[in-house]
Amino acid sequence: MTSSSFVATALVCATMALVTPNAATAQESRTCNIKGNVNTRGERIYHVPGQKYYDQTEISASHGERWFCTEAEAEAAGWRKAKV
């Protein structure tokens, strides 16, 4: 990914965060499809499409969970990739 496309992707995600009233709407758009989930131990883990638990993982903003546009964005925010 070029730096300009990374910036463009980041801007799209930032815009979505401002105009998306809930996680369901973000999920429907699929622009930012990486799920940032907080497990029962408080670990911040992200799931990418195709991973084992991606489809059953639900995002709850009230639990500090969120959507990411890139893995780099998730990791920069302190999240780790799911092991399975």
Foldseek 3Di string as FASTA:
>chain_A
DDPVVVVVLVVVVVVCVVPPPDPVVVCVVPQFQWKFDQDPVRATEIEDPPDDCSVVDDADVVSVIDTGNDPVVCVVVPHYYDPD
